[in-house]
Amino acid sequence: MRRQHVYLILWGVFLLALSFIPGREMPAQRFQPDKILHLLAFAYLGYLSSRTLGWWGLVAAVGFGAINEMQQLLVPGRQVAWLDLAANEAGALLGFFIGYLRRRREIQTG
């Protein structure tokens, strides 16, 4: 197993573990900074998946982002937030295409 596969698995397990932490009541905010964290976390997942799984990584990252948000229905104090889901998916897509373009550039120059 290549090192990148290990990173992908560990990052996925880390994100899964974070999503099983029971929720707490948060005060209403106009701008929620956690959306940026969702975007960054899933961008890294998308990047790793593009480097290890090729085009199937896009399916895996986007699917994982959706499943990860939906499984929060099972966690006390958590709920599905559609903006979190959108941030997960946007991050997965962004990270995947950054990884794809970087990999393509490495192939062309090296």
Protein backbone atom coordinates (compact mmCIF):
# COMPACT_ATOMS: atom_id res chain seq x y z
CA MET A 1 0.00 0.00 0.00
CA ARG A 2 1.39 3.35 -1.01
CA ARG A 3 1.84 6.12 1.50
CA GLN A 4 -0.84 8.26 -0.19
CA HIS A 5 -3.40 5.49 0.34
CA VAL A 6 -2.59 5.48 4.04
CA TYR A 7 -3.01 9.27 4.22
CA LEU A 8 -6.37 9.02 2.46
CA ILE A 9 -7.63 6.32 4.83
CA LEU A 10 -6.40 8.13 7.93
CA TRP A 11 -7.95 11.43 6.84
CA GLY A 12 -11.26 9.72 6.09
CA VAL A 13 -11.27 8.04 9.51
CA PHE A 14 -10.41 11.37 11.15
CA LEU A 15 -13.31 13.13 9.41
CA LEU A 16 -15.65 10.28 10.32
CA ALA A 17 -14.57 10.42 13.97
CA LEU A 18 -15.16 14.19 14.09
CA SER A 19 -18.67 13.78 12.73
CA PHE A 20 -19.59 11.33 15.52
CA ILE A 21 -18.85 13.83 18.30
CA PRO A 22 -22.20 14.72 19.91
CA GLY A 23 -23.42 18.21 19.09
CA ARG A 24 -24.11 21.13 21.35
CA GLU A 25 -26.41 24.07 21.02
CA MET A 26 -24.74 26.90 19.14
CA PRO A 27 -25.98 30.49 19.14
CA ALA A 28 -27.30 31.73 15.81
CA GLN A 29 -24.60 33.50 13.82
CA ARG A 30 -24.78 35.47 10.63
CA PHE A 31 -21.59 33.93 9.26
CA GLN A 32 -20.62 30.47 10.39
CA PRO A 33 -16.85 29.91 10.19
CA ASP A 34 -17.32 26.14 10.37
CA LYS A 35 -18.27 26.19 6.67
CA ILE A 36 -14.70 27.18 5.84
CA LEU A 37 -13.44 24.28 7.95
CA HIS A 38 -15.78 21.90 6.09
CA LEU A 39 -14.51 23.23 2.78
CA LEU A 40 -10.84 22.86 3.75
CA ALA A 41 -11.24 19.42 5.33
CA PHE A 42 -13.01 18.00 2.30
CA ALA A 43 -10.69 19.78 -0.12
CA TYR A 44 -7.83 17.82 1.41
CA LEU A 45 -9.88 14.63 1.12
CA GLY A 46 -10.60 15.43 -2.53
CA TYR A 47 -6.94 16.17 -3.18
CA LEU A 48 -5.80 12.89 -1.62
CA SER A 49 -8.46 10.93 -3.48
CA SER A 50 -7.42 12.40 -6.83
CA ARG A 51 -3.80 11.46 -6.17
CA THR A 52 -4.60 7.88 -5.17
CA LEU A 53 -7.81 6.83 -6.95
CA GLY A 54 -7.78 8.83 -10.17
CA TRP A 55 -11.24 9.69 -11.51
CA TRP A 56 -12.86 7.26 -9.07
CA GLY A 57 -11.53 9.55 -6.37
CA LEU A 58 -14.03 12.18 -7.44
CA VAL A 59 -16.89 9.75 -6.86
CA ALA A 60 -15.38 8.62 -3.56
CA ALA A 61 -14.79 12.15 -2.20
CA VAL A 62 -18.19 13.52 -3.20
CA GLY A 63 -19.94 10.38 -1.95
CA PHE A 64 -18.06 10.44 1.32
CA GLY A 65 -18.94 14.11 1.82
CA ALA A 66 -22.65 13.38 1.40
CA ILE A 67 -22.66 10.23 3.53
CA ASN A 68 -20.61 11.94 6.22
CA GLU A 69 -23.18 14.70 6.55
CA MET A 70 -26.21 12.40 6.40
CA GLN A 71 -24.89 10.01 9.06
CA GLN A 72 -25.07 12.85 11.56
CA LEU A 73 -28.77 12.03 11.89
CA LEU A 74 -27.55 9.12 14.05
CA VAL A 75 -25.55 11.32 16.45
CA PRO A 76 -27.26 12.93 19.48
CA GLY A 77 -27.39 16.70 19.21
CA ARG A 78 -26.37 16.73 15.54
CA GLN A 79 -28.44 17.37 12.48
CA VAL A 80 -27.96 17.52 8.74
CA ALA A 81 -27.09 21.04 7.67
CA TRP A 82 -27.51 21.67 3.98
CA LEU A 83 -24.86 24.40 3.99
CA ASP A 84 -22.41 21.94 5.58
CA LEU A 85 -23.25 19.45 2.85
CA ALA A 86 -22.67 22.12 0.21
CA ALA A 87 -19.32 23.05 1.80
CA ASN A 88 -18.32 19.35 1.92
CA GLU A 89 -19.13 18.88 -1.75
CA ALA A 90 -17.52 22.14 -2.87
CA GLY A 91 -14.37 21.28 -0.95
CA ALA A 92 -14.22 17.75 -2.36
CA LEU A 93 -14.59 19.08 -5.91
CA LEU A 94 -12.05 21.85 -5.41
CA GLY A 95 -9.47 19.56 -3.83
CA PHE A 96 -9.99 16.87 -6.44
CA PHE A 97 -9.40 19.24 -9.34
CA ILE A 98 -6.35 20.79 -7.70
CA GLY A 99 -4.90 17.31 -7.25
CA TYR A 100 -5.86 16.31 -10.77
CA LEU A 101 -4.24 19.39 -12.31
CA ARG A 102 -1.11 18.93 -10.22
CA ARG A 103 -0.84 15.27 -11.21
CA ARG A 104 -1.36 16.14 -14.88
CA ARG A 105 1.35 18.80 -14.69
CA GLU A 106 3.78 16.32 -13.11
CA ILE A 107 3.17 13.86 -15.92
CA GLN A 108 3.73 16.52 -18.61
CA THR A 109 6.93 17.91 -17.08
CA GLY A 110 8.46 14.75 -15.77
